[in-house]
N, C-alpha and C. Protein backbone atom coordinates (compact mmCIF):
# COMPACT_ATOMS: atom_id res chain seq x y z
N MET A 1 20.33 40.17 23.06
CA MET A 1 19.46 39.05 23.25
C MET A 1 19.03 38.51 21.89
N LYS A 2 19.10 37.21 21.74
CA LYS A 2 18.71 36.60 20.48
C LYS A 2 17.20 36.53 20.38
N SER A 3 16.72 36.73 19.17
CA SER A 3 15.27 36.60 18.97
C SER A 3 14.92 35.13 18.75
N ILE A 4 13.79 34.76 19.26
CA ILE A 4 13.33 33.38 19.10
C ILE A 4 12.67 33.26 17.73
N SER A 5 13.11 32.25 16.99
CA SER A 5 12.51 32.07 15.66
C SER A 5 11.08 31.59 15.81
N ARG A 6 10.23 32.12 15.01
CA ARG A 6 8.81 31.78 15.06
C ARG A 6 8.50 30.68 14.06
N ILE A 7 7.51 29.94 14.40
CA ILE A 7 7.00 28.93 13.46
C ILE A 7 6.24 29.68 12.37
N PRO A 8 6.57 29.42 11.12
CA PRO A 8 5.87 30.16 10.05
C PRO A 8 4.37 29.86 10.07
N ARG A 9 3.60 30.89 9.92
CA ARG A 9 2.14 30.74 9.88
C ARG A 9 1.73 30.32 8.48
N ILE A 10 0.73 29.47 8.43
CA ILE A 10 0.22 29.07 7.13
C ILE A 10 -1.15 29.69 6.94
N SER A 11 -1.47 29.93 5.71
CA SER A 11 -2.76 30.54 5.41
C SER A 11 -3.88 29.51 5.53
N LYS A 12 -5.09 29.99 5.53
CA LYS A 12 -6.26 29.10 5.60
C LYS A 12 -6.29 28.17 4.39
N ALA A 13 -5.96 28.70 3.23
CA ALA A 13 -5.95 27.88 2.00
C ALA A 13 -4.92 26.77 2.10
N GLU A 14 -3.74 27.07 2.64
CA GLU A 14 -2.71 26.05 2.80
C GLU A 14 -3.14 24.98 3.80
N ALA A 15 -3.80 25.40 4.87
CA ALA A 15 -4.29 24.45 5.88
C ALA A 15 -5.33 23.51 5.27
N VAL A 16 -6.21 24.06 4.45
CA VAL A 16 -7.24 23.24 3.79
C VAL A 16 -6.58 22.26 2.83
N LEU A 17 -5.58 22.71 2.08
CA LEU A 17 -4.87 21.81 1.16
C LEU A 17 -4.18 20.68 1.91
N ILE A 18 -3.58 20.99 3.04
CA ILE A 18 -2.93 19.95 3.85
C ILE A 18 -3.96 18.95 4.35
N LEU A 19 -5.10 19.44 4.84
CA LEU A 19 -6.16 18.56 5.33
C LEU A 19 -6.70 17.66 4.22
N ILE A 20 -6.95 18.24 3.06
CA ILE A 20 -7.46 17.45 1.93
C ILE A 20 -6.44 16.40 1.51
N THR A 21 -5.17 16.76 1.50
CA THR A 21 -4.12 15.80 1.14
C THR A 21 -4.08 14.64 2.13
N MET A 22 -4.22 14.95 3.42
CA MET A 22 -4.23 13.90 4.43
C MET A 22 -5.44 12.98 4.27
N LEU A 23 -6.61 13.57 4.01
CA LEU A 23 -7.81 12.76 3.81
C LEU A 23 -7.68 11.90 2.56
N TRP A 24 -7.19 12.50 1.48
CA TRP A 24 -7.04 11.75 0.22
C TRP A 24 -6.05 10.61 0.40
N GLY A 25 -4.94 10.86 1.07
CA GLY A 25 -3.96 9.81 1.31
C GLY A 25 -4.52 8.70 2.19
N GLY A 26 -5.36 9.07 3.15
CA GLY A 26 -5.97 8.08 4.02
C GLY A 26 -6.95 7.17 3.31
N THR A 27 -7.51 7.64 2.21
CA THR A 27 -8.46 6.80 1.49
C THR A 27 -7.80 5.57 0.90
N PHE A 28 -6.51 5.64 0.62
CA PHE A 28 -5.82 4.46 0.09
C PHE A 28 -5.83 3.33 1.12
N LEU A 29 -5.65 3.68 2.39
CA LEU A 29 -5.72 2.67 3.44
C LEU A 29 -7.13 2.10 3.55
N LEU A 30 -8.14 2.97 3.46
CA LEU A 30 -9.52 2.51 3.53
C LEU A 30 -9.87 1.60 2.35
N VAL A 31 -9.41 1.97 1.17
CA VAL A 31 -9.67 1.15 -0.02
C VAL A 31 -9.01 -0.21 0.14
N GLN A 32 -7.78 -0.21 0.61
CA GLN A 32 -7.08 -1.48 0.78
C GLN A 32 -7.79 -2.37 1.79
N HIS A 33 -8.31 -1.77 2.85
CA HIS A 33 -9.07 -2.54 3.84
C HIS A 33 -10.38 -3.05 3.24
N ALA A 34 -11.07 -2.21 2.48
CA ALA A 34 -12.34 -2.61 1.87
C ALA A 34 -12.15 -3.75 0.87
N LEU A 35 -11.00 -3.80 0.24
CA LEU A 35 -10.74 -4.86 -0.74
C LEU A 35 -10.59 -6.23 -0.10
N THR A 36 -10.45 -6.28 1.22
CA THR A 36 -10.38 -7.58 1.88
C THR A 36 -11.74 -8.26 1.92
N VAL A 37 -12.82 -7.48 1.72
CA VAL A 37 -14.17 -8.06 1.76
C VAL A 37 -14.89 -8.00 0.42
N SER A 38 -14.31 -7.36 -0.57
CA SER A 38 -14.95 -7.30 -1.89
C SER A 38 -13.89 -7.28 -2.98
N GLY A 39 -14.34 -7.52 -4.20
CA GLY A 39 -13.44 -7.45 -5.34
C GLY A 39 -13.24 -6.01 -5.77
N PRO A 40 -12.20 -5.74 -6.54
CA PRO A 40 -11.90 -4.37 -6.93
C PRO A 40 -12.98 -3.73 -7.81
N MET A 41 -13.50 -4.47 -8.77
CA MET A 41 -14.50 -3.86 -9.67
C MET A 41 -15.84 -3.67 -8.96
N LEU A 42 -16.20 -4.56 -8.05
CA LEU A 42 -17.42 -4.37 -7.26
C LEU A 42 -17.28 -3.12 -6.40
N PHE A 43 -16.13 -2.97 -5.78
CA PHE A 43 -15.89 -1.81 -4.93
C PHE A 43 -15.97 -0.51 -5.73
N VAL A 44 -15.30 -0.48 -6.87
CA VAL A 44 -15.32 0.72 -7.72
C VAL A 44 -16.74 0.97 -8.23
N GLY A 45 -17.44 -0.09 -8.62
CA GLY A 45 -18.81 0.05 -9.09
C GLY A 45 -19.72 0.64 -8.02
N LEU A 46 -19.56 0.20 -6.79
CA LEU A 46 -20.37 0.74 -5.69
C LEU A 46 -20.03 2.21 -5.43
N ARG A 47 -18.76 2.56 -5.53
CA ARG A 47 -18.37 3.96 -5.36
C ARG A 47 -19.01 4.84 -6.44
N PHE A 48 -18.97 4.36 -7.67
CA PHE A 48 -19.56 5.13 -8.77
C PHE A 48 -21.07 5.22 -8.64
N ALA A 49 -21.71 4.13 -8.22
CA ALA A 49 -23.17 4.14 -8.04
C ALA A 49 -23.57 5.13 -6.95
N ALA A 50 -22.84 5.14 -5.84
CA ALA A 50 -23.13 6.08 -4.76
C ALA A 50 -22.94 7.52 -5.23
N ALA A 51 -21.87 7.77 -5.96
CA ALA A 51 -21.62 9.12 -6.47
C ALA A 51 -22.70 9.54 -7.46
N ALA A 52 -23.12 8.62 -8.32
CA ALA A 52 -24.16 8.93 -9.31
C ALA A 52 -25.48 9.28 -8.62
N LEU A 53 -25.82 8.55 -7.57
CA LEU A 53 -27.06 8.85 -6.84
C LEU A 53 -27.00 10.22 -6.18
N ILE A 54 -25.87 10.54 -5.58
CA ILE A 54 -25.73 11.85 -4.93
C ILE A 54 -25.82 12.98 -5.96
N VAL A 55 -25.12 12.82 -7.08
CA VAL A 55 -25.16 13.84 -8.13
C VAL A 55 -26.58 13.97 -8.69
N ALA A 56 -27.24 12.84 -8.90
CA ALA A 56 -28.61 12.86 -9.44
C ALA A 56 -29.56 13.59 -8.51
N LEU A 57 -29.41 13.40 -7.21
CA LEU A 57 -30.29 14.07 -6.25
C LEU A 57 -30.18 15.59 -6.34
N PHE A 58 -28.98 16.08 -6.56
CA PHE A 58 -28.77 17.52 -6.59
C PHE A 58 -28.86 18.12 -7.99
N SER A 59 -28.93 17.28 -9.03
CA SER A 59 -28.87 17.79 -10.40
C SER A 59 -30.00 17.31 -11.29
N MET A 60 -31.09 16.87 -10.74
CA MET A 60 -32.17 16.31 -11.56
C MET A 60 -32.66 17.29 -12.63
N LYS A 61 -32.80 18.55 -12.28
CA LYS A 61 -33.31 19.54 -13.24
C LYS A 61 -32.38 19.65 -14.45
N VAL A 62 -31.09 19.68 -14.20
CA VAL A 62 -30.11 19.80 -15.28
C VAL A 62 -30.03 18.50 -16.08
N LEU A 63 -30.09 17.36 -15.38
CA LEU A 63 -29.97 16.06 -16.05
C LEU A 63 -31.12 15.80 -17.01
N ARG A 64 -32.29 16.34 -16.73
CA ARG A 64 -33.44 16.13 -17.63
C ARG A 64 -33.22 16.76 -19.00
N GLY A 65 -32.36 17.78 -19.07
CA GLY A 65 -32.12 18.46 -20.33
C GLY A 65 -30.96 17.91 -21.14
N LEU A 66 -30.40 16.77 -20.73
CA LEU A 66 -29.27 16.20 -21.47
C LEU A 66 -29.69 15.69 -22.84
N THR A 67 -28.83 15.92 -23.81
CA THR A 67 -29.07 15.36 -25.14
C THR A 67 -28.46 13.96 -25.20
N PHE A 68 -28.81 13.22 -26.24
CA PHE A 68 -28.27 11.87 -26.40
C PHE A 68 -26.76 11.92 -26.55
N LEU A 69 -26.25 12.91 -27.28
CA LEU A 69 -24.81 13.05 -27.49
C LEU A 69 -24.09 13.30 -26.16
N GLU A 70 -24.66 14.16 -25.32
CA GLU A 70 -24.06 14.42 -24.01
C GLU A 70 -24.08 13.18 -23.13
N LEU A 71 -25.17 12.45 -23.18
CA LEU A 71 -25.28 11.22 -22.40
C LEU A 71 -24.26 10.19 -22.87
N LYS A 72 -24.12 10.06 -24.19
CA LYS A 72 -23.16 9.12 -24.77
C LYS A 72 -21.73 9.50 -24.37
N ALA A 73 -21.41 10.79 -24.42
CA ALA A 73 -20.08 11.25 -24.02
C ALA A 73 -19.85 10.98 -22.53
N GLY A 74 -20.86 11.20 -21.71
CA GLY A 74 -20.75 10.94 -20.28
C GLY A 74 -20.50 9.48 -19.98
N VAL A 75 -21.18 8.59 -20.70
CA VAL A 75 -20.97 7.15 -20.52
C VAL A 75 -19.55 6.78 -20.92
N PHE A 76 -19.07 7.32 -22.02
CA PHE A 76 -17.71 7.04 -22.48
C PHE A 76 -16.67 7.50 -21.46
N ILE A 77 -16.81 8.74 -21.00
CA ILE A 77 -15.87 9.29 -20.02
C ILE A 77 -15.95 8.52 -18.71
N GLY A 78 -17.16 8.21 -18.27
CA GLY A 78 -17.34 7.45 -17.03
C GLY A 78 -16.72 6.07 -17.11
N THR A 79 -16.84 5.42 -18.27
CA THR A 79 -16.24 4.10 -18.45
C THR A 79 -14.72 4.19 -18.38
N ALA A 80 -14.15 5.20 -19.02
CA ALA A 80 -12.69 5.37 -18.99
C ALA A 80 -12.21 5.63 -17.57
N ILE A 81 -12.92 6.46 -16.84
CA ILE A 81 -12.53 6.75 -15.45
C ILE A 81 -12.68 5.51 -14.59
N MET A 82 -13.77 4.76 -14.79
CA MET A 82 -13.98 3.54 -14.01
C MET A 82 -12.86 2.53 -14.25
N LEU A 83 -12.45 2.40 -15.50
CA LEU A 83 -11.34 1.49 -15.80
C LEU A 83 -10.05 1.95 -15.11
N GLY A 84 -9.81 3.25 -15.11
CA GLY A 84 -8.63 3.77 -14.42
C GLY A 84 -8.67 3.49 -12.93
N TYR A 85 -9.80 3.80 -12.31
CA TYR A 85 -9.94 3.52 -10.87
C TYR A 85 -9.89 2.02 -10.61
N GLY A 86 -10.50 1.23 -11.48
CA GLY A 86 -10.49 -0.22 -11.30
C GLY A 86 -9.08 -0.77 -11.34
N LEU A 87 -8.29 -0.33 -12.32
CA LEU A 87 -6.90 -0.80 -12.41
C LEU A 87 -6.07 -0.34 -11.21
N GLN A 88 -6.32 0.88 -10.76
CA GLN A 88 -5.62 1.38 -9.58
C GLN A 88 -6.00 0.54 -8.36
N THR A 89 -7.27 0.20 -8.24
CA THR A 89 -7.73 -0.59 -7.10
C THR A 89 -7.18 -2.00 -7.16
N ILE A 90 -7.09 -2.57 -8.35
CA ILE A 90 -6.45 -3.88 -8.50
C ILE A 90 -4.99 -3.79 -8.05
N GLY A 91 -4.33 -2.70 -8.42
CA GLY A 91 -2.94 -2.50 -8.00
C GLY A 91 -2.80 -2.39 -6.49
N LEU A 92 -3.79 -1.79 -5.83
CA LEU A 92 -3.73 -1.66 -4.37
C LEU A 92 -3.81 -3.01 -3.67
N GLN A 93 -4.33 -4.01 -4.36
CA GLN A 93 -4.38 -5.35 -3.77
C GLN A 93 -2.99 -5.98 -3.72
N THR A 94 -2.11 -5.55 -4.60
CA THR A 94 -0.82 -6.22 -4.71
C THR A 94 0.33 -5.47 -4.04
N ILE A 95 0.09 -4.24 -3.59
CA ILE A 95 1.16 -3.49 -2.92
C ILE A 95 0.70 -3.09 -1.53
N ALA A 96 1.66 -2.84 -0.67
CA ALA A 96 1.33 -2.39 0.69
C ALA A 96 1.28 -0.87 0.69
N SER A 97 0.21 -0.32 1.23
CA SER A 97 0.16 1.14 1.38
C SER A 97 0.68 1.49 2.76
N SER A 98 1.42 2.57 2.82
CA SER A 98 2.03 2.93 4.11
C SER A 98 1.51 4.25 4.60
C-alpha cells in the first residue's frame, strides 16, 4: 500500500512571516487607493505624523533625555526615510500594483 504524502507542516515563525508578508504586500494596494484622494507627500507626511505620535506616547520618558545631537541625527534620518517613502509613493501613482 502506498503511503499518502503529507502536507509539510510549517512552524509558528514561518506562519507569522507569511502573514506579515501578506499584510505588507497588501499595503501597496491600500496606498495606491489612498493616493486617489491625496497627494503622495501629504500621504507620507500623515503616515509619519501618526507614527511619531504613537512613538511619543510610549516613549516620552526616553525622549525627554535626547541631546541636541541625537535630535539632529533623528531629523536627518527621518528626512532621508521620508524622501525614500515619498519617491516610492510617487512611483505607485504611475504603476499598477497587482
